[in-house]
Structure formats: C-alpha cells, structure tokens
C-alpha cells in the first residue's frame, strides 16, 4: 500500500505517542489526562470491549477508490472522526487547544472546545476559521448560559454540544492525590515535576499560565486557587434536565448535540426534545466506574432502527486505532470523537502533534478499508463478523 497521509513514522500508534508524552508532561498533568473515576474499571472497559468486535474481510470482492469522507450536519468532513472536548487542555500541553483546533480546521475534521478549556470561544473561532464546535457545561445560572450562547452565535459556531453526564464532579483518586481536585493546589512535588519536564515549562512560560479563558468575563479578578475552586463548584454543579435542554433548543437554531447519552431512556428523551445528534459517551470513564463501556452502549443504541432514523448517533470513548474506528462504524456509529489520543500527540510532538495524529488515524483507517475491500465509510456495517 502506498503511503497516503504524511506523519512521523517514529510514532505510528497511540501507544507510541503516549509513551513519549509521558516523558514530556509533568506527572500531575499526565495523571489528570489519563486517569479515570475510582478504581478506573470503566476506563479499562472503554478500551478492552472493542476487542470483542470482529470484522469480516471479502478478499475476492472488487472495490473502488477509498473515500474516508463523511457528511455530518450539512458539512463534508475528510474523515469520520474529530477531536473531543477536554478541560484544562493547556495544562497538559501549553497552547494545546489552539494547536488542535488549527490542525483540525486545516485537515477538515471537527474540533470541540470545552467550556473549561484554556482558550476562549473567540480565539478558537479565529484560529479554526469558525469551524470549531463548542461543548457547553451547563452553568447553574441561566443568565451565564444565555451569554455564552450569544457569544457562540456571534462567532457563528457551527454545532453546539451540551454535556449531560456531569451532575457532580467525578471522584478521581489520581487528581485528589496530585492536587488537581477542586480547589486545586500546587504542592512541592508538583513543582519538582515541572523541573523534570523543561520543554513543558518553557512552553508554559511562553504561552502563559493556563486559565479558564472562556469563563474569564464571569470571574472576579485576582481569584486565588481556593477561590477558583469555589467559583467552579458554585457555577457548574447542577444537573442538566429536560427543561434545560428545551430552553437551549429554543435559543440555539443550529445543530444541537447531547454528549453523555448511554441509555434508552435518555435516547428517547433526546429524540423527543428535537436534538440533532447524540454522542454516546461515559466521559472517558471519568464519572461512573460502574457503568458500561461507551462502545457497548453504542452497540445497543445504534442497533435500534427507530433511533437511527431520527437522530445522528456518534461515539466518544476508548478508540485507540483505525481498527477501533472501523469496529465502531461496523456496529453503527456514524461519527467518532477522540480526546486522549490527540493530547498524547500534542504532548509527544508539540505543535506538530495535531496534524500527525489526524494523519496517523487516517492511515490506519485507510489500511483497514483496503484490507476489508471497502470504499465508503457507510459500508462498514456489511463487514461485522460478530460481537463476542
């Protein structure tokens, strides 16, 4: 197979990027990126349950030229995957939101900015040429919600994603021990870890100490770390219910997506509310350790034809290769998002990490399609052999 997409061949897999990133990111920040809730059982299930999906090749079947592109909400993207929203991205690697948003825009895939990321709505709209999506952590005050939505309308954000699976902040032991719980603290150990990662430290100095840039207009000036924690708990602790989604649906006329859907009850409610899509997700195994993997939730929900004809069903969680992307599409996902792999890419390769990771996944997926004698993403459902 001829090389179709250019990437750094020293890092051909997500695991290679993860190993390199671990050496370049301070442990407290790396633990925040990689950790899950409680004993991290669901974190492991998210990845391991992909292994139960087997694909069926048809070697003697003639196939046309391979096309990785898909249409979603009226736009054609170059591949069936995008960059998940991640909070505190700039803590894990300086300027990470801008690196990834720019790479995504240049390579025609979606990037989703989190409310609690370290770049603002306006800045990401600028570097992405207005292509970036936005994920809303629903605030406790409707006035703040309405103002954020107005800012999104001003920059003509194409898709609004509402996060529904954080009625409370997850209990993550790694973050508690490292001081990245709320309120955060900077221990002597954390300071020493930064000295062991000089490139991270230099880049942090160059780009500035990370902060919740989108939320700055709503914060009092000069908040210390304890006060910042109090602000976050006060501003974002609360459930997203049907009435809140109805209000957003009235305000937002563009495509509206709910992220964190995992059950039939919530899927049925989403359809009744008139949202355009759902991202099946368990928050990367960071919220409820006793829930099922995202891919198993997807298998069940996407297997219902009534759901599929009424709403776009997408996946976020556990994807670590092009083979996993293929498996997701084989069981019914229409689009996929990945968070940690892209952060490993940026952590390993800095400014080059976004483009590298995009092209690495495109190369993986192209190879699988070639192996299965497929030409279009929509045909993956024809290659599901079995689910163990």
Protein backbone atom coordinates (compact mmCIF):
# COMPACT_ATOMS: atom_id res chain seq x y z
CA UNK A 1 0.00 0.00 0.00
CA UNK A 2 1.41 3.37 -0.93
CA UNK A 3 1.71 5.98 1.81
CA UNK A 4 -1.35 8.20 1.55
CA UNK A 5 -1.00 10.55 4.53
CA UNK A 6 2.19 12.07 5.89
CA UNK A 7 3.01 11.52 9.57
CA UNK A 8 6.03 10.89 11.81
CA UNK A 9 6.78 7.19 11.38
CA UNK A 10 8.67 7.07 14.68
CA UNK A 11 5.22 7.24 16.32
CA UNK A 12 2.88 5.00 14.29
CA UNK A 13 0.47 4.23 17.14
CA UNK A 14 -1.34 5.89 20.03
CA UNK A 15 0.74 3.86 22.47
CA UNK A 16 3.96 5.24 20.95
CA UNK A 17 2.63 8.77 21.39
CA UNK A 18 1.54 8.03 24.96
CA UNK A 19 4.99 6.74 25.94
CA UNK A 20 6.67 9.84 24.51
CA UNK A 21 4.11 12.22 26.03
CA UNK A 22 4.56 10.68 29.49
CA UNK A 23 8.22 11.75 29.41
CA UNK A 24 7.41 15.34 28.41
CA UNK A 25 4.38 16.15 30.60
CA UNK A 26 4.64 16.59 34.40
CA UNK A 27 3.14 13.63 36.23
CA UNK A 28 0.32 15.63 37.87
CA UNK A 29 -0.86 16.84 34.44
CA UNK A 30 -0.39 13.44 32.81
CA UNK A 31 -2.38 11.78 35.59
CA UNK A 32 -5.20 14.26 35.00
CA UNK A 33 -5.22 13.29 31.32
CA UNK A 34 -5.05 9.53 31.73
CA UNK A 35 -6.96 8.95 34.96
CA UNK A 36 -10.48 7.68 35.48
CA UNK A 37 -13.03 7.51 38.27
CA UNK A 38 -12.49 5.47 41.43
CA UNK A 39 -10.69 2.18 40.65
CA UNK A 40 -10.65 3.03 36.90
CA UNK A 41 -12.52 -0.14 35.91
CA UNK A 42 -14.69 1.64 33.37
CA UNK A 43 -11.63 3.36 31.95
CA UNK A 44 -10.25 -0.09 31.11
CA UNK A 45 -13.59 -1.39 29.81
CA UNK A 46 -13.79 1.50 27.35
CA UNK A 47 -10.72 0.22 25.54
CA UNK A 48 -10.92 -3.52 26.15
CA UNK A 49 -14.50 -4.05 24.97
CA UNK A 50 -13.52 -3.08 21.41
CA UNK A 51 -11.66 -6.40 21.25
CA UNK A 52 -14.99 -8.25 21.24
CA UNK A 53 -15.94 -6.84 17.83
CA UNK A 54 -14.70 -8.93 14.89
CA UNK A 55 -14.66 -7.80 11.27
CA UNK A 56 -15.19 -9.85 8.09
CA UNK A 57 -12.96 -9.33 5.02
CA UNK A 58 -14.05 -10.17 1.47
CA UNK A 59 -10.77 -10.55 -0.38
CA UNK A 60 -12.17 -11.53 -3.77
CA UNK A 61 -14.54 -8.59 -3.97
CA UNK A 62 -13.60 -5.78 -6.31
CA UNK A 63 -13.54 -2.36 -4.61
CA UNK A 64 -13.49 1.21 -5.81
CA UNK A 65 -11.18 4.01 -4.71
CA UNK A 66 -11.31 4.53 -0.96
CA UNK A 67 -13.15 7.61 0.34
CA UNK A 68 -12.75 8.41 4.05
CA UNK A 69 -15.03 11.44 3.96
CA UNK A 70 -18.47 11.64 5.54
CA UNK A 71 -21.24 14.23 5.66
CA UNK A 72 -22.43 15.45 9.04
CA UNK A 73 -24.89 18.28 9.74
CA UNK A 74 -24.62 19.61 6.21
CA UNK A 75 -20.83 19.63 6.03
CA UNK A 76 -18.49 17.06 4.49
CA UNK A 77 -15.53 16.15 6.68
CA UNK A 78 -12.38 14.49 5.37
CA UNK A 79 -12.62 11.60 7.86
CA UNK A 80 -15.24 10.15 10.23
CA UNK A 81 -13.59 11.38 13.42
CA UNK A 82 -12.93 14.57 15.34
CA UNK A 83 -11.22 15.94 18.44
CA UNK A 84 -13.13 15.54 21.71
CA UNK A 85 -13.56 18.40 24.18
CA UNK A 86 -11.07 18.23 27.06
CA UNK A 87 -10.93 20.54 30.05
CA UNK A 88 -7.66 22.19 31.09
CA UNK A 89 -6.02 21.27 27.77
CA UNK A 90 -3.38 23.96 28.15
CA UNK A 91 -2.29 22.47 31.47
CA UNK A 92 -1.44 19.15 29.83
CA UNK A 93 0.40 20.83 26.96
CA UNK A 94 0.77 24.60 26.55
CA UNK A 95 -1.41 26.08 23.79
CA UNK A 96 -2.92 22.65 23.07
CA UNK A 97 -6.41 23.97 22.21
CA UNK A 98 -5.08 26.26 19.50
CA UNK A 99 -2.74 23.58 18.13
CA UNK A 100 -5.55 21.06 17.81
CA UNK A 101 -8.24 23.50 16.62
CA UNK A 102 -5.96 24.78 13.86
CA UNK A 103 -4.88 21.29 12.78
CA UNK A 104 -8.48 20.10 12.73
CA UNK A 105 -9.60 23.05 10.60
CA UNK A 106 -6.72 22.65 8.16
CA UNK A 107 -7.44 18.92 7.79
CA UNK A 108 -11.24 19.21 7.62
CA UNK A 109 -12.26 17.41 10.80
CA UNK A 110 -14.25 18.89 13.72
CA UNK A 111 -12.64 20.12 16.92
CA UNK A 112 -14.84 20.63 20.01
CA UNK A 113 -13.83 23.31 22.50
CA UNK A 114 -14.80 22.67 26.13
CA UNK A 115 -16.29 25.38 28.33
CA UNK A 116 -13.48 24.64 30.80
CA UNK A 117 -10.66 24.54 28.27
CA UNK A 118 -7.83 27.07 28.34
CA UNK A 119 -8.62 29.03 25.17
CA UNK A 120 -11.61 31.26 24.64
CA UNK A 121 -14.54 30.85 22.28
CA UNK A 122 -13.38 33.86 20.29
CA UNK A 123 -9.74 32.79 19.98
CA UNK A 124 -10.59 29.26 18.85
CA UNK A 125 -13.10 30.62 16.33
CA UNK A 126 -10.27 32.76 14.95
CA UNK A 127 -7.65 30.01 14.62
CA UNK A 128 -10.17 27.48 13.25
CA UNK A 129 -11.74 29.86 10.71
CA UNK A 130 -15.04 29.48 12.53
CA UNK A 131 -15.15 25.71 12.11
CA UNK A 132 -14.80 24.64 15.76
CA UNK A 133 -17.75 23.18 17.66
CA UNK A 134 -18.40 24.05 21.32
CA UNK A 135 -19.28 21.88 24.31
CA UNK A 136 -21.35 23.57 27.00
CA UNK A 137 -21.04 22.67 30.65
CA UNK A 138 -24.46 23.92 31.69
CA UNK A 139 -23.98 26.61 34.36
CA UNK A 140 -26.24 26.91 37.38
CA UNK A 141 -27.36 30.39 36.27
CA UNK A 142 -29.34 30.68 33.05
CA UNK A 143 -28.04 34.20 32.52
CA UNK A 144 -24.49 32.87 32.12
CA UNK A 145 -25.71 30.12 29.78
CA UNK A 146 -27.53 32.65 27.61
CA UNK A 147 -24.46 34.88 27.39
CA UNK A 148 -22.23 32.00 26.32
CA UNK A 149 -24.74 31.04 23.63
CA UNK A 150 -24.82 34.64 22.38
CA UNK A 151 -21.02 34.59 22.09
CA UNK A 152 -21.27 31.36 20.08
CA UNK A 153 -23.84 32.93 17.79
CA UNK A 154 -21.61 35.96 17.20
CA UNK A 155 -18.70 33.77 16.02
CA UNK A 156 -21.15 31.56 14.05
CA UNK A 157 -20.22 28.36 15.82
CA UNK A 158 -21.49 25.52 13.58
CA UNK A 159 -22.54 22.97 16.24
CA UNK A 160 -23.42 23.23 19.94
CA UNK A 161 -22.76 20.18 22.12
CA UNK A 162 -24.35 20.07 25.57
CA UNK A 163 -22.66 17.85 28.16
CA UNK A 164 -25.21 15.94 30.24
CA UNK A 165 -23.20 13.38 32.26
CA UNK A 166 -21.63 15.59 34.96
CA UNK A 167 -24.30 16.14 37.64
CA UNK A 168 -21.33 16.00 40.04
CA UNK A 169 -17.58 16.09 39.51
CA UNK A 170 -16.16 12.56 39.29
CA UNK A 171 -14.22 11.09 42.21
CA UNK A 172 -10.76 10.58 40.68
CA UNK A 173 -8.14 9.40 43.12
CA UNK A 174 -5.17 10.42 40.95
CA UNK A 175 -6.39 14.02 40.81
CA UNK A 176 -7.03 14.16 44.54
CA UNK A 177 -3.51 12.98 45.31
CA UNK A 178 -1.89 15.27 42.75
CA UNK A 179 -3.80 18.37 43.89
CA UNK A 180 -5.89 18.80 40.74
CA UNK A 181 -9.19 18.34 42.53
CA UNK A 182 -11.35 21.37 43.31
CA UNK A 183 -9.98 23.54 44.83
CA UNK A 184 -6.61 22.81 43.15
CA UNK A 185 -3.30 23.20 44.90
CA UNK A 186 0.33 23.29 43.75
CA UNK A 187 2.47 21.09 46.00
CA UNK A 188 6.24 20.92 46.28
CA UNK A 189 6.04 17.58 44.45
CA UNK A 190 4.18 19.15 41.53
CA UNK A 191 6.69 21.98 41.30
CA UNK A 192 9.58 19.49 41.20
CA UNK A 193 7.79 17.55 38.44
CA UNK A 194 7.76 20.66 36.26
CA UNK A 195 11.55 20.95 36.53
CA UNK A 196 11.84 17.40 35.16
CA UNK A 197 9.95 18.49 32.00
CA UNK A 198 11.86 21.56 30.77
CA UNK A 199 10.19 21.82 27.36
CA UNK A 200 6.76 21.85 29.01
CA UNK A 201 7.99 24.52 31.44
CA UNK A 202 9.48 26.72 28.72
CA UNK A 203 6.34 26.47 26.58
CA UNK A 204 4.17 27.27 29.60
CA UNK A 205 6.21 30.41 30.27
CA UNK A 206 5.94 31.38 26.61
CA UNK A 207 2.16 30.96 26.40
CA UNK A 208 1.29 31.90 29.98
CA UNK A 209 -0.18 30.08 32.94
CA UNK A 210 -3.31 28.25 31.74
CA UNK A 211 -6.69 29.51 32.89
CA UNK A 212 -10.37 29.01 32.03
CA UNK A 213 -10.25 31.56 29.21
CA UNK A 214 -13.90 31.34 28.12
CA UNK A 215 -15.05 31.93 31.70
CA UNK A 216 -12.80 34.90 32.46
CA UNK A 217 -15.51 37.53 31.81
CA UNK A 218 -17.61 35.95 34.57
CA UNK A 219 -14.88 35.70 37.23
CA UNK A 220 -13.76 38.26 39.73
CA UNK A 221 -10.21 39.45 39.14
CA UNK A 222 -7.43 38.12 41.33
CA UNK A 223 -9.02 34.83 42.39
CA UNK A 224 -6.59 32.55 44.22
CA UNK A 225 -6.70 28.78 43.67
CA UNK A 226 -9.11 28.12 46.54
CA UNK A 227 -11.47 30.84 45.32
CA UNK A 228 -11.24 29.47 41.77
CA UNK A 229 -12.33 26.09 43.07
CA UNK A 230 -15.26 27.66 44.87
CA UNK A 231 -16.24 29.54 41.71
CA UNK A 232 -16.21 26.34 39.62
CA UNK A 233 -18.23 24.39 42.18
CA UNK A 234 -20.77 27.18 42.52
CA UNK A 235 -21.03 27.87 38.79
CA UNK A 236 -21.16 24.35 37.33
CA UNK A 237 -22.55 21.97 39.94
CA UNK A 238 -26.01 21.00 38.79
CA UNK A 239 -27.99 18.57 36.68
CA UNK A 240 -28.94 19.04 33.05
CA UNK A 241 -32.56 18.00 32.73
CA UNK A 242 -35.25 18.03 30.05
CA UNK A 243 -36.40 21.56 30.84
CA UNK A 244 -32.88 22.95 30.49
CA UNK A 245 -32.43 21.25 27.12
CA UNK A 246 -35.79 22.65 25.96
CA UNK A 247 -34.58 26.15 26.79
CA UNK A 248 -31.34 25.63 24.86
CA UNK A 249 -33.25 24.18 21.90
CA UNK A 250 -35.32 27.37 21.81
CA UNK A 251 -32.22 29.58 21.91
CA UNK A 252 -29.99 27.60 19.54
CA UNK A 253 -31.23 27.23 15.97
CA UNK A 254 -28.21 25.33 14.63
CA UNK A 255 -27.36 21.64 15.07
CA UNK A 256 -27.67 20.63 18.73
CA UNK A 257 -25.94 17.54 20.12
CA UNK A 258 -26.15 15.95 23.57
CA UNK A 259 -22.96 14.30 24.84
CA UNK A 260 -23.03 11.62 27.51
CA UNK A 261 -26.08 9.68 26.34
CA UNK A 262 -25.82 5.97 27.23
CA UNK A 263 -29.33 4.62 27.92
CA UNK A 264 -32.57 4.01 26.05
CA UNK A 265 -34.43 6.39 28.35
CA UNK A 266 -32.07 9.29 27.61
CA UNK A 267 -32.01 8.46 23.90
CA UNK A 268 -35.81 8.56 23.73
CA UNK A 269 -35.85 11.87 25.61
CA UNK A 270 -33.23 13.29 23.22
CA UNK A 271 -35.35 12.43 20.20
CA UNK A 272 -38.47 13.88 21.82
CA UNK A 273 -36.58 17.13 22.51
CA UNK A 274 -35.72 17.52 18.84
CA UNK A 275 -31.94 17.48 19.18
CA UNK A 276 -29.99 16.64 16.05
CA UNK A 277 -27.49 14.16 17.41
CA UNK A 278 -26.09 12.37 20.43
CA UNK A 279 -22.55 11.42 21.34
CA UNK A 280 -22.67 8.11 23.19
CA UNK A 281 -20.10 8.50 25.94
CA UNK A 282 -19.31 7.80 29.58
CA UNK A 283 -16.95 10.78 29.88
CA UNK A 284 -13.88 8.69 29.20
CA UNK A 285 -14.52 6.54 32.27
CA UNK A 286 -14.11 9.61 34.46
CA UNK A 287 -17.57 9.81 36.08
CA UNK A 288 -19.24 6.49 36.98
CA UNK A 289 -16.95 3.50 37.41
CA UNK A 290 -19.86 1.05 37.46
CA UNK A 291 -21.30 1.94 34.04
CA UNK A 292 -20.85 0.00 30.82
CA UNK A 293 -18.26 0.88 28.21
CA UNK A 294 -19.14 3.51 25.62
CA UNK A 295 -18.82 1.01 22.77
CA UNK A 296 -21.27 -1.40 24.42
CA UNK A 297 -23.76 1.43 24.93
CA UNK A 298 -23.30 2.34 21.26
CA UNK A 299 -23.91 -1.24 20.13
CA UNK A 300 -27.23 -1.32 21.95
CA UNK A 301 -28.46 2.14 20.96
CA UNK A 302 -27.30 2.13 17.34
CA UNK A 303 -28.87 -1.31 16.94
CA UNK A 304 -32.32 0.23 17.30
CA UNK A 305 -33.54 1.30 13.82
CA UNK A 306 -36.08 3.70 15.32
CA UNK A 307 -33.29 5.68 16.92
CA UNK A 308 -31.09 5.72 13.84
CA UNK A 309 -33.78 7.12 11.56
CA UNK A 310 -34.50 10.00 13.96
CA UNK A 311 -31.09 11.16 15.19
CA UNK A 312 -27.35 11.06 14.45
CA UNK A 313 -25.61 8.56 16.74
CA UNK A 314 -21.92 9.21 17.39
CA UNK A 315 -19.32 7.73 19.74
CA UNK A 316 -16.69 9.04 22.13
CA UNK A 317 -14.59 6.76 24.29
CA UNK A 318 -11.92 4.07 24.07
CA UNK A 319 -10.90 4.45 20.41
CA UNK A 320 -7.15 3.90 20.10
CA UNK A 321 -6.60 2.88 16.47
CA UNK A 322 -8.07 2.83 13.00
CA UNK A 323 -9.18 -0.72 13.69
CA UNK A 324 -11.25 0.61 16.60
CA UNK A 325 -12.73 3.25 14.30
CA UNK A 326 -13.66 0.50 11.86
CA UNK A 327 -15.24 -1.54 14.65
CA UNK A 328 -17.26 1.46 15.81
CA UNK A 329 -18.68 2.01 12.33
CA UNK A 330 -19.36 -1.71 11.90
CA UNK A 331 -21.69 -1.64 14.92
CA UNK A 332 -23.46 1.54 13.84
CA UNK A 333 -21.55 4.67 14.83
CA UNK A 334 -21.98 7.47 12.30
CA UNK A 335 -19.07 9.58 13.58
CA UNK A 336 -16.46 9.32 16.32
CA UNK A 337 -14.53 11.56 18.68
CA UNK A 338 -11.23 11.00 20.46
CA UNK A 339 -9.66 13.02 23.26
CA UNK A 340 -6.68 11.35 24.90
CA UNK A 341 -5.03 10.20 21.63
CA UNK A 342 -4.88 13.79 20.36
CA UNK A 343 -3.47 15.03 23.66
CA UNK A 344 -0.83 12.28 23.55
CA UNK A 345 0.02 13.51 20.06
CA UNK A 346 0.47 17.10 21.18
CA UNK A 347 2.32 16.06 24.33
CA UNK A 348 4.71 13.94 22.29
CA UNK A 349 5.25 16.22 19.30
CA UNK A 350 4.14 19.70 20.36
CA UNK A 351 2.84 21.88 17.55
CA UNK A 352 3.22 19.02 15.05
CA UNK A 353 1.13 16.64 17.16
CA UNK A 354 -2.30 17.60 15.86
CA UNK A 355 -1.58 17.01 12.18
CA UNK A 356 0.43 13.88 12.98
CA UNK A 357 -2.39 12.26 14.94
CA UNK A 358 -5.00 13.09 12.32
CA UNK A 359 -2.91 11.58 9.53
CA UNK A 360 -1.93 8.60 11.67
CA UNK A 361 -5.60 7.70 12.19
CA UNK A 362 -6.37 8.31 8.52
CA UNK A 363 -3.55 5.93 7.58
CA UNK A 364 -4.85 3.29 9.99
CA UNK A 365 -8.40 3.57 8.70
CA UNK A 366 -7.34 3.56 5.04
CA UNK A 367 -5.41 0.32 5.61
CA UNK A 368 -8.39 -1.38 7.27
CA UNK A 369 -10.70 -0.36 4.44
CA UNK A 370 -8.21 -1.69 1.92
CA UNK A 371 -7.98 -4.95 3.86
CA UNK A 372 -11.78 -5.33 4.01
CA UNK A 373 -12.36 -4.35 0.35
CA UNK A 374 -14.44 -1.29 1.26
CA UNK A 375 -14.65 2.06 -0.50
CA UNK A 376 -17.06 4.04 1.73
CA UNK A 377 -17.39 4.51 5.49
CA UNK A 378 -21.10 3.70 5.37
CA UNK A 379 -20.30 0.18 4.13
CA UNK A 380 -18.56 -0.91 7.35
CA UNK A 381 -21.82 -2.37 8.68
CA UNK A 382 -21.52 -5.01 5.93
CA UNK A 383 -18.27 -6.21 7.49
CA UNK A 384 -19.40 -7.00 11.03
CA UNK A 385 -18.48 -10.64 11.61
CA UNK A 386 -19.63 -10.99 15.20
CA UNK A 387 -19.70 -9.47 18.67
CA UNK A 388 -18.25 -11.88 21.19
